[in-house]
All heavy atoms as atom14 arrays in JSON, in Angstrom:
{
  "sequence": "DGVATSLLIDAPNHGLSPWTGEFDYRAMGDAVAAELEQRGAAGKPVV",
  "atom14_mask": [
    [1, 1, 1, 1, 1, 1, 1, 1, 0, 0, 0, 0, 0, 0],
    [1, 1, 1, 1, 0, 0, 0, 0, 0, 0, 0, 0, 0, 0],
    [1, 1, 1, 1, 1, 1, 1, 0, 0, 0, 0, 0, 0, 0],
    [1, 1, 1, 1, 1, 0, 0, 0, 0, 0, 0, 0, 0, 0],
    [1, 1, 1, 1, 1, 1, 1, 0, 0, 0, 0, 0, 0, 0],
    [1, 1, 1, 1, 1, 1, 0, 0, 0, 0, 0, 0, 0, 0],
    [1, 1, 1, 1, 1, 1, 1, 1, 0, 0, 0, 0, 0, 0],
    [1, 1, 1, 1, 1, 1, 1, 1, 0, 0, 0, 0, 0, 0],
    [1, 1, 1, 1, 1, 1, 1, 1, 0, 0, 0, 0, 0, 0],
    [1, 1, 1, 1, 1, 1, 1, 1, 0, 0, 0, 0, 0, 0],
    [1, 1, 1, 1, 1, 0, 0, 0, 0, 0, 0, 0, 0, 0],
    [1, 1, 1, 1, 1, 1, 1, 0, 0, 0, 0, 0, 0, 0],
    [1, 1, 1, 1, 1, 1, 1, 1, 0, 0, 0, 0, 0, 0],
    [1, 1, 1, 1, 1, 1, 1, 1, 1, 1, 0, 0, 0, 0],
    [1, 1, 1, 1, 0, 0, 0, 0, 0, 0, 0, 0, 0, 0],
    [1, 1, 1, 1, 1, 1, 1, 1, 0, 0, 0, 0, 0, 0],
    [1, 1, 1, 1, 1, 1, 0, 0, 0, 0, 0, 0, 0, 0],
    [1, 1, 1, 1, 1, 1, 1, 0, 0, 0, 0, 0, 0, 0],
    [1, 1, 1, 1, 1, 1, 1, 1, 1, 1, 1, 1, 1, 1],
    [1, 1, 1, 1, 1, 1, 1, 0, 0, 0, 0, 0, 0, 0],
    [1, 1, 1, 1, 0, 0, 0, 0, 0, 0, 0, 0, 0, 0],
    [1, 1, 1, 1, 1, 1, 1, 1, 1, 0, 0, 0, 0, 0],
    [1, 1, 1, 1, 1, 1, 1, 1, 1, 1, 1, 0, 0, 0],
    [1, 1, 1, 1, 1, 1, 1, 1, 0, 0, 0, 0, 0, 0],
    [1, 1, 1, 1, 1, 1, 1, 1, 1, 1, 1, 1, 0, 0],
    [1, 1, 1, 1, 1, 1, 1, 1, 1, 1, 1, 0, 0, 0],
    [1, 1, 1, 1, 1, 0, 0, 0, 0, 0, 0, 0, 0, 0],
    [1, 1, 1, 1, 1, 1, 1, 1, 0, 0, 0, 0, 0, 0],
    [1, 1, 1, 1, 0, 0, 0, 0, 0, 0, 0, 0, 0, 0],
    [1, 1, 1, 1, 1, 1, 1, 1, 0, 0, 0, 0, 0, 0],
    [1, 1, 1, 1, 1, 0, 0, 0, 0, 0, 0, 0, 0, 0],
    [1, 1, 1, 1, 1, 1, 1, 0, 0, 0, 0, 0, 0, 0],
    [1, 1, 1, 1, 1, 0, 0, 0, 0, 0, 0, 0, 0, 0],
    [1, 1, 1, 1, 1, 0, 0, 0, 0, 0, 0, 0, 0, 0],
    [1, 1, 1, 1, 1, 1, 1, 1, 1, 0, 0, 0, 0, 0],
    [1, 1, 1, 1, 1, 1, 1, 1, 0, 0, 0, 0, 0, 0],
    [1, 1, 1, 1, 1, 1, 1, 1, 1, 0, 0, 0, 0, 0],
    [1, 1, 1, 1, 1, 1, 1, 1, 1, 0, 0, 0, 0, 0],
    [1, 1, 1, 1, 1, 1, 1, 1, 1, 1, 1, 0, 0, 0],
    [1, 1, 1, 1, 0, 0, 0, 0, 0, 0, 0, 0, 0, 0],
    [1, 1, 1, 1, 1, 0, 0, 0, 0, 0, 0, 0, 0, 0],
    [1, 1, 1, 1, 1, 0, 0, 0, 0, 0, 0, 0, 0, 0],
    [1, 1, 1, 1, 0, 0, 0, 0, 0, 0, 0, 0, 0, 0],
    [1, 1, 1, 1, 1, 1, 1, 1, 1, 0, 0, 0, 0, 0],
    [1, 1, 1, 1, 1, 1, 1, 0, 0, 0, 0, 0, 0, 0],
    [1, 1, 1, 1, 1, 1, 1, 0, 0, 0, 0, 0, 0, 0],
    [1, 1, 1, 1, 1, 1, 1, 0, 0, 0, 0, 0, 0, 0]
  ],
  "atom14_positions": [
    [[-108.35, 172.06, 45.98], [-107.04, 171.67, 45.47], [-105.94, 172.45, 46.19], [-106.03, 173.66, 46.37], [-106.97, 171.92, 43.97], [-105.76, 171.26, 43.32], [-105.19, 170.34, 43.93], [-105.38, 171.67, 42.21], [0.0, 0.0, 0.0], [0.0, 0.0, 0.0], [0.0, 0.0, 0.0], [0.0, 0.0, 0.0], [0.0, 0.0, 0.0], [0.0, 0.0, 0.0]],
    [[-104.94, 171.72, 46.61], [-103.84, 172.33, 47.36], [-103.95, 172.1, 48.85], [-102.94, 172.05, 49.55], [0.0, 0.0, 0.0], [0.0, 0.0, 0.0], [0.0, 0.0, 0.0], [0.0, 0.0, 0.0], [0.0, 0.0, 0.0], [0.0, 0.0, 0.0], [0.0, 0.0, 0.0], [0.0, 0.0, 0.0], [0.0, 0.0, 0.0], [0.0, 0.0, 0.0]],
    [[-105.18, 171.93, 49.34], [-105.37, 171.67, 50.77], [-105.95, 170.27, 51.02], [-105.87, 169.75, 52.13], [-106.28, 172.72, 51.46], [-105.66, 174.1, 51.33], [-107.69, 172.71, 50.89], [0.0, 0.0, 0.0], [0.0, 0.0, 0.0], [0.0, 0.0, 0.0], [0.0, 0.0, 0.0], [0.0, 0.0, 0.0], [0.0, 0.0, 0.0], [0.0, 0.0, 0.0]],
    [[-106.52, 169.65, 49.97], [-107.1, 168.32, 50.15], [-107.11, 167.54, 48.84], [-107.28, 168.12, 47.76], [-108.52, 168.42, 50.68], [0.0, 0.0, 0.0], [0.0, 0.0, 0.0], [0.0, 0.0, 0.0], [0.0, 0.0, 0.0], [0.0, 0.0, 0.0], [0.0, 0.0, 0.0], [0.0, 0.0, 0.0], [0.0, 0.0, 0.0], [0.0, 0.0, 0.0]],
    [[-106.92, 166.26, 48.95], [-107.19, 165.32, 47.86], [-108.65, 164.9, 48.0], [-109.06, 164.43, 49.06], [-106.28, 164.09, 47.96], [-104.91, 164.51, 47.92], [-106.56, 163.12, 46.82], [0.0, 0.0, 0.0], [0.0, 0.0, 0.0], [0.0, 0.0, 0.0], [0.0, 0.0, 0.0], [0.0, 0.0, 0.0], [0.0, 0.0, 0.0], [0.0, 0.0, 0.0]],
    [[-109.44, 165.11, 46.97], [-110.88, 164.89, 47.06], [-111.28, 163.58, 46.39], [-110.85, 163.28, 45.27], [-111.64, 166.04, 46.42], [-111.45, 167.24, 47.17], [0.0, 0.0, 0.0], [0.0, 0.0, 0.0], [0.0, 0.0, 0.0], [0.0, 0.0, 0.0], [0.0, 0.0, 0.0], [0.0, 0.0, 0.0], [0.0, 0.0, 0.0], [0.0, 0.0, 0.0]],
    [[-112.13, 162.83, 47.07], [-112.7, 161.6, 46.54], [-114.19, 161.83, 46.31], [-114.93, 162.12, 47.25], [-112.5, 160.44, 47.52], [-111.08, 160.17, 48.02], [-111.07, 159.01, 49.01], [-110.15, 159.9, 46.85], [0.0, 0.0, 0.0], [0.0, 0.0, 0.0], [0.0, 0.0, 0.0], [0.0, 0.0, 0.0], [0.0, 0.0, 0.0], [0.0, 0.0, 0.0]],
    [[-114.62, 161.72, 45.06], [-116.02, 161.89, 44.7], [-116.62, 160.51, 44.49], [-116.22, 159.79, 43.57], [-116.16, 162.72, 43.42], [-116.03, 164.25, 43.53], [-114.69, 164.66, 44.11], [-116.21, 164.89, 42.17], [0.0, 0.0, 0.0], [0.0, 0.0, 0.0], [0.0, 0.0, 0.0], [0.0, 0.0, 0.0], [0.0, 0.0, 0.0], [0.0, 0.0, 0.0]],
    [[-117.55, 160.13, 45.36], [-118.06, 158.75, 45.37], [-119.46, 158.69, 44.75], [-120.34, 159.46, 45.12], [-118.08, 158.21, 46.81], [-116.66, 158.17, 47.38], [-118.73, 156.84, 46.86], [-116.55, 157.6, 48.77], [0.0, 0.0, 0.0], [0.0, 0.0, 0.0], [0.0, 0.0, 0.0], [0.0, 0.0, 0.0], [0.0, 0.0, 0.0], [0.0, 0.0, 0.0]],
    [[-119.62, 157.77, 43.81], [-120.96, 157.46, 43.32], [-121.66, 156.58, 44.35], [-121.16, 155.5, 44.7], [-120.9, 156.7, 41.99], [-120.49, 157.57, 40.81], [-120.32, 158.79, 41.0], [-120.34, 157.01, 39.71], [0.0, 0.0, 0.0], [0.0, 0.0, 0.0], [0.0, 0.0, 0.0], [0.0, 0.0, 0.0], [0.0, 0.0, 0.0], [0.0, 0.0, 0.0]],
    [[-122.8, 157.02, 44.85], [-123.55, 156.24, 45.83], [-124.04, 154.93, 45.2], [-124.2, 154.84, 43.98], [-124.74, 157.04, 46.34], [0.0, 0.0, 0.0], [0.0, 0.0, 0.0], [0.0, 0.0, 0.0], [0.0, 0.0, 0.0], [0.0, 0.0, 0.0], [0.0, 0.0, 0.0], [0.0, 0.0, 0.0], [0.0, 0.0, 0.0], [0.0, 0.0, 0.0]],
    [[-124.32, 153.92, 46.01], [-124.97, 152.73, 45.48], [-126.24, 153.13, 44.71], [-126.95, 154.04, 45.11], [-125.32, 151.93, 46.74], [-124.29, 152.34, 47.74], [-124.05, 153.8, 47.46], [0.0, 0.0, 0.0], [0.0, 0.0, 0.0], [0.0, 0.0, 0.0], [0.0, 0.0, 0.0], [0.0, 0.0, 0.0], [0.0, 0.0, 0.0], [0.0, 0.0, 0.0]],
    [[-126.49, 152.43, 43.6], [-127.66, 152.68, 42.75], [-127.58, 153.98, 41.96], [-128.58, 154.43, 41.42], [-128.95, 152.64, 43.58], [-129.12, 151.33, 44.3], [-129.23, 150.27, 43.68], [-129.1, 151.38, 45.64], [0.0, 0.0, 0.0], [0.0, 0.0, 0.0], [0.0, 0.0, 0.0], [0.0, 0.0, 0.0], [0.0, 0.0, 0.0], [0.0, 0.0, 0.0]],
    [[-126.41, 154.56, 41.89], [-126.18, 155.8, 41.15], [-124.87, 155.71, 40.37], [-123.94, 155.02, 40.79], [-126.1, 157.0, 42.1], [-127.38, 157.34, 42.79], [-127.86, 156.61, 43.84], [-128.28, 158.35, 42.59], [-129.0, 157.15, 44.27], [-129.27, 158.2, 43.52], [0.0, 0.0, 0.0], [0.0, 0.0, 0.0], [0.0, 0.0, 0.0], [0.0, 0.0, 0.0]],
    [[-124.79, 156.45, 39.27], [-123.55, 156.53, 38.52], [-123.04, 155.16, 38.11], [-123.76, 154.33, 37.58], [0.0, 0.0, 0.0], [0.0, 0.0, 0.0], [0.0, 0.0, 0.0], [0.0, 0.0, 0.0], [0.0, 0.0, 0.0], [0.0, 0.0, 0.0], [0.0, 0.0, 0.0], [0.0, 0.0, 0.0], [0.0, 0.0, 0.0], [0.0, 0.0, 0.0]],
    [[-121.74, 154.93, 38.41], [-121.1, 153.67, 38.04], [-120.92, 152.73, 39.22], [-120.2, 151.74, 39.11], [-119.73, 153.97, 37.39], [-119.81, 154.62, 36.01], [-118.42, 155.04, 35.53], [-120.45, 153.68, 34.99], [0.0, 0.0, 0.0], [0.0, 0.0, 0.0], [0.0, 0.0, 0.0], [0.0, 0.0, 0.0], [0.0, 0.0, 0.0], [0.0, 0.0, 0.0]],
    [[-121.57, 153.03, 40.33], [-121.5, 152.12, 41.48], [-122.55, 151.02, 41.34], [-123.53, 151.16, 40.61], [-121.72, 152.89, 42.79], [-120.56, 153.61, 43.13], [0.0, 0.0, 0.0], [0.0, 0.0, 0.0], [0.0, 0.0, 0.0], [0.0, 0.0, 0.0], [0.0, 0.0, 0.0], [0.0, 0.0, 0.0], [0.0, 0.0, 0.0], [0.0, 0.0, 0.0]],
    [[-122.35, 149.9, 42.04], [-123.28, 148.76, 41.91], [-124.69, 149.09, 42.39], [-124.89, 149.98, 43.2], [-122.63, 147.69, 42.81], [-121.21, 148.09, 42.95], [-121.19, 149.58, 42.9], [0.0, 0.0, 0.0], [0.0, 0.0, 0.0], [0.0, 0.0, 0.0], [0.0, 0.0, 0.0], [0.0, 0.0, 0.0], [0.0, 0.0, 0.0], [0.0, 0.0, 0.0]],
    [[-125.62, 148.33, 41.87], [-127.01, 148.41, 42.32], [-127.25, 147.44, 43.46], [-126.57, 146.42, 43.58], [-127.95, 148.09, 41.16], [-128.0, 149.17, 40.11], [-127.18, 150.26, 40.01], [-128.9, 149.24, 39.01], [-127.52, 151.02, 38.93], [-128.58, 150.42, 38.28], [-129.94, 148.43, 38.56], [-129.27, 150.8, 37.13], [-130.63, 148.81, 37.42], [-130.3, 149.98, 36.71]],
    [[-128.21, 147.75, 44.3], [-128.55, 146.91, 45.44], [-130.02, 146.53, 45.38], [-130.79, 147.1, 44.6], [-128.25, 147.62, 46.77], [-129.11, 148.78, 46.87], [-126.8, 148.06, 46.85], [0.0, 0.0, 0.0], [0.0, 0.0, 0.0], [0.0, 0.0, 0.0], [0.0, 0.0, 0.0], [0.0, 0.0, 0.0], [0.0, 0.0, 0.0], [0.0, 0.0, 0.0]],
    [[-130.43, 145.6, 46.25], [-131.81, 145.17, 46.26], [-132.7, 146.01, 47.15], [-133.93, 145.99, 47.02], [0.0, 0.0, 0.0], [0.0, 0.0, 0.0], [0.0, 0.0, 0.0], [0.0, 0.0, 0.0], [0.0, 0.0, 0.0], [0.0, 0.0, 0.0], [0.0, 0.0, 0.0], [0.0, 0.0, 0.0], [0.0, 0.0, 0.0], [0.0, 0.0, 0.0]],
    [[-132.08, 146.77, 48.08], [-132.84, 147.58, 49.03], [-132.14, 148.92, 49.22], [-130.97, 149.08, 48.91], [-132.97, 146.86, 50.38], [-133.66, 145.51, 50.32], [-135.13, 145.6, 49.94], [-135.74, 146.68, 50.17], [-135.67, 144.62, 49.4], [0.0, 0.0, 0.0], [0.0, 0.0, 0.0], [0.0, 0.0, 0.0], [0.0, 0.0, 0.0], [0.0, 0.0, 0.0]],
    [[-132.89, 149.88, 49.78], [-132.31, 151.18, 50.12], [-132.24, 151.3, 51.62], [-133.24, 151.1, 52.32], [-133.17, 152.32, 49.56], [-132.63, 153.69, 49.86], [-131.81, 154.35, 48.97], [-132.93, 154.32, 51.07], [-131.3, 155.61, 49.26], [-132.43, 155.57, 51.38], [-131.61, 156.21, 50.46], [0.0, 0.0, 0.0], [0.0, 0.0, 0.0], [0.0, 0.0, 0.0]],
    [[-131.05, 151.64, 52.14], [-130.87, 151.76, 53.58], [-129.71, 152.72, 53.84], [-128.59, 152.49, 53.38], [-130.55, 150.39, 54.18], [-130.39, 150.43, 55.69], [-129.27, 150.74, 56.16], [-131.38, 150.16, 56.4], [0.0, 0.0, 0.0], [0.0, 0.0, 0.0], [0.0, 0.0, 0.0], [0.0, 0.0, 0.0], [0.0, 0.0, 0.0], [0.0, 0.0, 0.0]],
    [[-129.98, 153.81, 54.57], [-128.95, 154.81, 54.81], [-127.74, 154.23, 55.54], [-126.59, 154.53, 55.21], [-129.51, 155.99, 55.59], [-130.24, 157.01, 54.75], [-131.58, 157.31, 54.98], [-129.58, 157.7, 53.73], [-132.25, 158.25, 54.22], [-130.24, 158.64, 52.96], [-131.57, 158.91, 53.2], [-132.22, 159.84, 52.43], [0.0, 0.0, 0.0], [0.0, 0.0, 0.0]],
    [[-127.98, 153.42, 56.55], [-126.85, 152.9, 57.31], [-126.02, 151.92, 56.48], [-124.79, 151.89, 56.59], [-127.34, 152.27, 58.61], [-127.97, 153.31, 59.54], [-128.43, 152.74, 60.86], [-127.31, 152.52, 61.78], [-127.47, 152.29, 63.08], [-128.7, 152.24, 63.6], [-126.43, 152.1, 63.85], [0.0, 0.0, 0.0], [0.0, 0.0, 0.0], [0.0, 0.0, 0.0]],
    [[-126.69, 151.14, 55.63], [-125.96, 150.24, 54.74], [-125.14, 151.04, 53.73], [-124.01, 150.65, 53.4], [-126.94, 149.31, 54.03], [0.0, 0.0, 0.0], [0.0, 0.0, 0.0], [0.0, 0.0, 0.0], [0.0, 0.0, 0.0], [0.0, 0.0, 0.0], [0.0, 0.0, 0.0], [0.0, 0.0, 0.0], [0.0, 0.0, 0.0], [0.0, 0.0, 0.0]],
    [[-125.68, 152.15, 53.25], [-124.92, 153.01, 52.35], [-123.71, 153.59, 53.06], [-122.61, 153.64, 52.51], [-125.81, 154.13, 51.82], [-126.86, 153.66, 50.83], [-128.11, 154.91, 50.47], [-127.14, 156.16, 49.64], [0.0, 0.0, 0.0], [0.0, 0.0, 0.0], [0.0, 0.0, 0.0], [0.0, 0.0, 0.0], [0.0, 0.0, 0.0], [0.0, 0.0, 0.0]],
    [[-123.91, 154.01, 54.33], [-122.79, 154.51, 55.11], [-121.73, 153.44, 55.31], [-120.53, 153.72, 55.22], [0.0, 0.0, 0.0], [0.0, 0.0, 0.0], [0.0, 0.0, 0.0], [0.0, 0.0, 0.0], [0.0, 0.0, 0.0], [0.0, 0.0, 0.0], [0.0, 0.0, 0.0], [0.0, 0.0, 0.0], [0.0, 0.0, 0.0], [0.0, 0.0, 0.0]],
    [[-122.17, 152.22, 55.54], [-121.22, 151.1, 55.7], [-120.43, 150.86, 54.42], [-119.23, 150.57, 54.46], [-121.97, 149.82, 56.08], [-122.56, 149.86, 57.48], [-122.15, 150.73, 58.28], [-123.43, 149.02, 57.77], [0.0, 0.0, 0.0], [0.0, 0.0, 0.0], [0.0, 0.0, 0.0], [0.0, 0.0, 0.0], [0.0, 0.0, 0.0], [0.0, 0.0, 0.0]],
    [[-121.1, 150.97, 53.27], [-120.42, 150.75, 51.99], [-119.35, 151.81, 51.75], [-118.23, 151.51, 51.31], [-121.43, 150.75, 50.85], [0.0, 0.0, 0.0], [0.0, 0.0, 0.0], [0.0, 0.0, 0.0], [0.0, 0.0, 0.0], [0.0, 0.0, 0.0], [0.0, 0.0, 0.0], [0.0, 0.0, 0.0], [0.0, 0.0, 0.0], [0.0, 0.0, 0.0]],
    [[-119.69, 153.07, 52.06], [-118.69, 154.13, 51.91], [-117.57, 153.93, 52.92], [-116.38, 154.11, 52.61], [-119.35, 155.51, 52.09], [-118.29, 156.61, 52.04], [-120.4, 155.75, 51.01], [0.0, 0.0, 0.0], [0.0, 0.0, 0.0], [0.0, 0.0, 0.0], [0.0, 0.0, 0.0], [0.0, 0.0, 0.0], [0.0, 0.0, 0.0], [0.0, 0.0, 0.0]],
    [[-117.91, 153.55, 54.15], [-116.9, 153.31, 55.18], [-115.92, 152.23, 54.74], [-114.7, 152.36, 54.95], [-117.57, 152.93, 56.49], [0.0, 0.0, 0.0], [0.0, 0.0, 0.0], [0.0, 0.0, 0.0], [0.0, 0.0, 0.0], [0.0, 0.0, 0.0], [0.0, 0.0, 0.0], [0.0, 0.0, 0.0], [0.0, 0.0, 0.0], [0.0, 0.0, 0.0]],
    [[-116.42, 151.17, 54.14], [-115.54, 150.09, 53.67], [-114.57, 150.6, 52.6], [-113.39, 150.25, 52.59], [-116.37, 148.93, 53.12], [0.0, 0.0, 0.0], [0.0, 0.0, 0.0], [0.0, 0.0, 0.0], [0.0, 0.0, 0.0], [0.0, 0.0, 0.0], [0.0, 0.0, 0.0], [0.0, 0.0, 0.0], [0.0, 0.0, 0.0], [0.0, 0.0, 0.0]],
    [[-115.08, 151.47, 51.72], [-114.22, 152.07, 50.7], [-113.14, 152.93, 51.34], [-111.97, 152.89, 50.96], [-115.09, 152.91, 49.76], [-114.35, 153.52, 48.59], [-113.97, 152.5, 47.52], [-114.79, 151.64, 47.19], [-112.82, 152.59, 47.04], [0.0, 0.0, 0.0], [0.0, 0.0, 0.0], [0.0, 0.0, 0.0], [0.0, 0.0, 0.0], [0.0, 0.0, 0.0]],
    [[-113.53, 153.71, 52.36], [-112.57, 154.59, 53.02], [-111.54, 153.8, 53.82], [-110.37, 154.18, 53.89], [-113.31, 155.59, 53.92], [-114.29, 156.53, 53.21], [-114.91, 157.5, 54.21], [-113.59, 157.28, 52.09], [0.0, 0.0, 0.0], [0.0, 0.0, 0.0], [0.0, 0.0, 0.0], [0.0, 0.0, 0.0], [0.0, 0.0, 0.0], [0.0, 0.0, 0.0]],
    [[-111.98, 152.71, 54.44], [-111.03, 151.87, 55.18], [-109.97, 151.31, 54.25], [-108.78, 151.24, 54.6], [-111.78, 150.76, 55.9], [-112.55, 151.24, 57.13], [-113.4, 150.15, 57.75], [-113.66, 149.13, 57.06], [-113.82, 150.32, 58.91], [0.0, 0.0, 0.0], [0.0, 0.0, 0.0], [0.0, 0.0, 0.0], [0.0, 0.0, 0.0], [0.0, 0.0, 0.0]],
    [[-110.37, 150.91, 53.05], [-109.41, 150.4, 52.06], [-108.39, 151.47, 51.7], [-107.27, 151.15, 51.33], [-110.14, 149.96, 50.79], [-110.9, 148.65, 50.92], [-111.41, 148.17, 49.56], [-110.95, 148.63, 48.51], [-112.34, 147.24, 49.58], [0.0, 0.0, 0.0], [0.0, 0.0, 0.0], [0.0, 0.0, 0.0], [0.0, 0.0, 0.0], [0.0, 0.0, 0.0]],
    [[-108.79, 152.72, 51.81], [-107.92, 153.83, 51.43], [-107.19, 154.45, 52.62], [-106.64, 155.54, 52.52], [-108.75, 154.89, 50.69], [-109.3, 154.38, 49.35], [-110.36, 155.29, 48.77], [-110.88, 154.78, 47.51], [-110.4, 155.09, 46.3], [-109.4, 155.96, 46.19], [-110.92, 154.57, 45.22], [0.0, 0.0, 0.0], [0.0, 0.0, 0.0], [0.0, 0.0, 0.0]],
    [[-107.26, 153.79, 53.77], [-106.45, 154.2, 54.91], [-107.07, 155.18, 55.86], [-106.38, 155.8, 56.68], [0.0, 0.0, 0.0], [0.0, 0.0, 0.0], [0.0, 0.0, 0.0], [0.0, 0.0, 0.0], [0.0, 0.0, 0.0], [0.0, 0.0, 0.0], [0.0, 0.0, 0.0], [0.0, 0.0, 0.0], [0.0, 0.0, 0.0], [0.0, 0.0, 0.0]],
    [[-108.4, 155.34, 55.82], [-109.04, 156.33, 56.67], [-108.97, 155.99, 58.15], [-109.09, 156.88, 59.01], [-110.51, 156.51, 56.26], [0.0, 0.0, 0.0], [0.0, 0.0, 0.0], [0.0, 0.0, 0.0], [0.0, 0.0, 0.0], [0.0, 0.0, 0.0], [0.0, 0.0, 0.0], [0.0, 0.0, 0.0], [0.0, 0.0, 0.0], [0.0, 0.0, 0.0]],
    [[-108.77, 154.71, 58.49], [-108.66, 154.34, 59.9], [-107.43, 154.98, 60.53], [-107.43, 155.34, 61.71], [-108.61, 152.82, 60.05], [0.0, 0.0, 0.0], [0.0, 0.0, 0.0], [0.0, 0.0, 0.0], [0.0, 0.0, 0.0], [0.0, 0.0, 0.0], [0.0, 0.0, 0.0], [0.0, 0.0, 0.0], [0.0, 0.0, 0.0], [0.0, 0.0, 0.0]],
    [[-106.38, 155.17, 59.73], [-105.17, 155.81, 60.23], [-105.13, 157.29, 59.97], [-104.4, 158.04, 60.64], [0.0, 0.0, 0.0], [0.0, 0.0, 0.0], [0.0, 0.0, 0.0], [0.0, 0.0, 0.0], [0.0, 0.0, 0.0], [0.0, 0.0, 0.0], [0.0, 0.0, 0.0], [0.0, 0.0, 0.0], [0.0, 0.0, 0.0], [0.0, 0.0, 0.0]],
    [[-105.88, 157.74, 58.99], [-105.92, 159.16, 58.63], [-107.37, 159.53, 58.33], [-107.83, 159.43, 57.19], [-105.04, 159.43, 57.41], [-104.97, 160.9, 57.03], [-104.21, 161.09, 55.73], [-104.21, 162.55, 55.29], [-103.57, 162.74, 53.97], [0.0, 0.0, 0.0], [0.0, 0.0, 0.0], [0.0, 0.0, 0.0], [0.0, 0.0, 0.0], [0.0, 0.0, 0.0]],
    [[-108.13, 159.94, 59.35], [-109.56, 160.24, 59.16], [-109.79, 161.35, 58.12], [-108.92, 162.18, 57.87], [-110.02, 160.68, 60.55], [-109.04, 160.06, 61.48], [-107.73, 160.07, 60.76], [0.0, 0.0, 0.0], [0.0, 0.0, 0.0], [0.0, 0.0, 0.0], [0.0, 0.0, 0.0], [0.0, 0.0, 0.0], [0.0, 0.0, 0.0], [0.0, 0.0, 0.0]],
    [[-110.97, 161.35, 57.54], [-111.28, 162.22, 56.41], [-112.19, 163.37, 56.82], [-112.81, 163.37, 57.88], [-111.97, 161.41, 55.29], [-111.13, 160.2, 54.9], [-113.39, 160.98, 55.71], [0.0, 0.0, 0.0], [0.0, 0.0, 0.0], [0.0, 0.0, 0.0], [0.0, 0.0, 0.0], [0.0, 0.0, 0.0], [0.0, 0.0, 0.0], [0.0, 0.0, 0.0]],
    [[-112.27, 164.35, 55.92], [-113.3, 165.39, 55.99], [-114.45, 164.89, 55.11], [-114.29, 164.72, 53.91], [-112.79, 166.74, 55.49], [-113.9, 167.79, 55.57], [-111.57, 167.19, 56.28], [0.0, 0.0, 0.0], [0.0, 0.0, 0.0], [0.0, 0.0, 0.0], [0.0, 0.0, 0.0], [0.0, 0.0, 0.0], [0.0, 0.0, 0.0], [0.0, 0.0, 0.0]]
  ]
}
């Protein structure tokens, strides 16, 4: 706090995020990437 705004993401099949039919690391990365793109990460990359 003070140096970063933090986003805590529930992974697919966990918490309140949707369930999927298969497990795949790259697909999970794509899902998180899509979320970050919606939040402007293409113009302001994240930690």
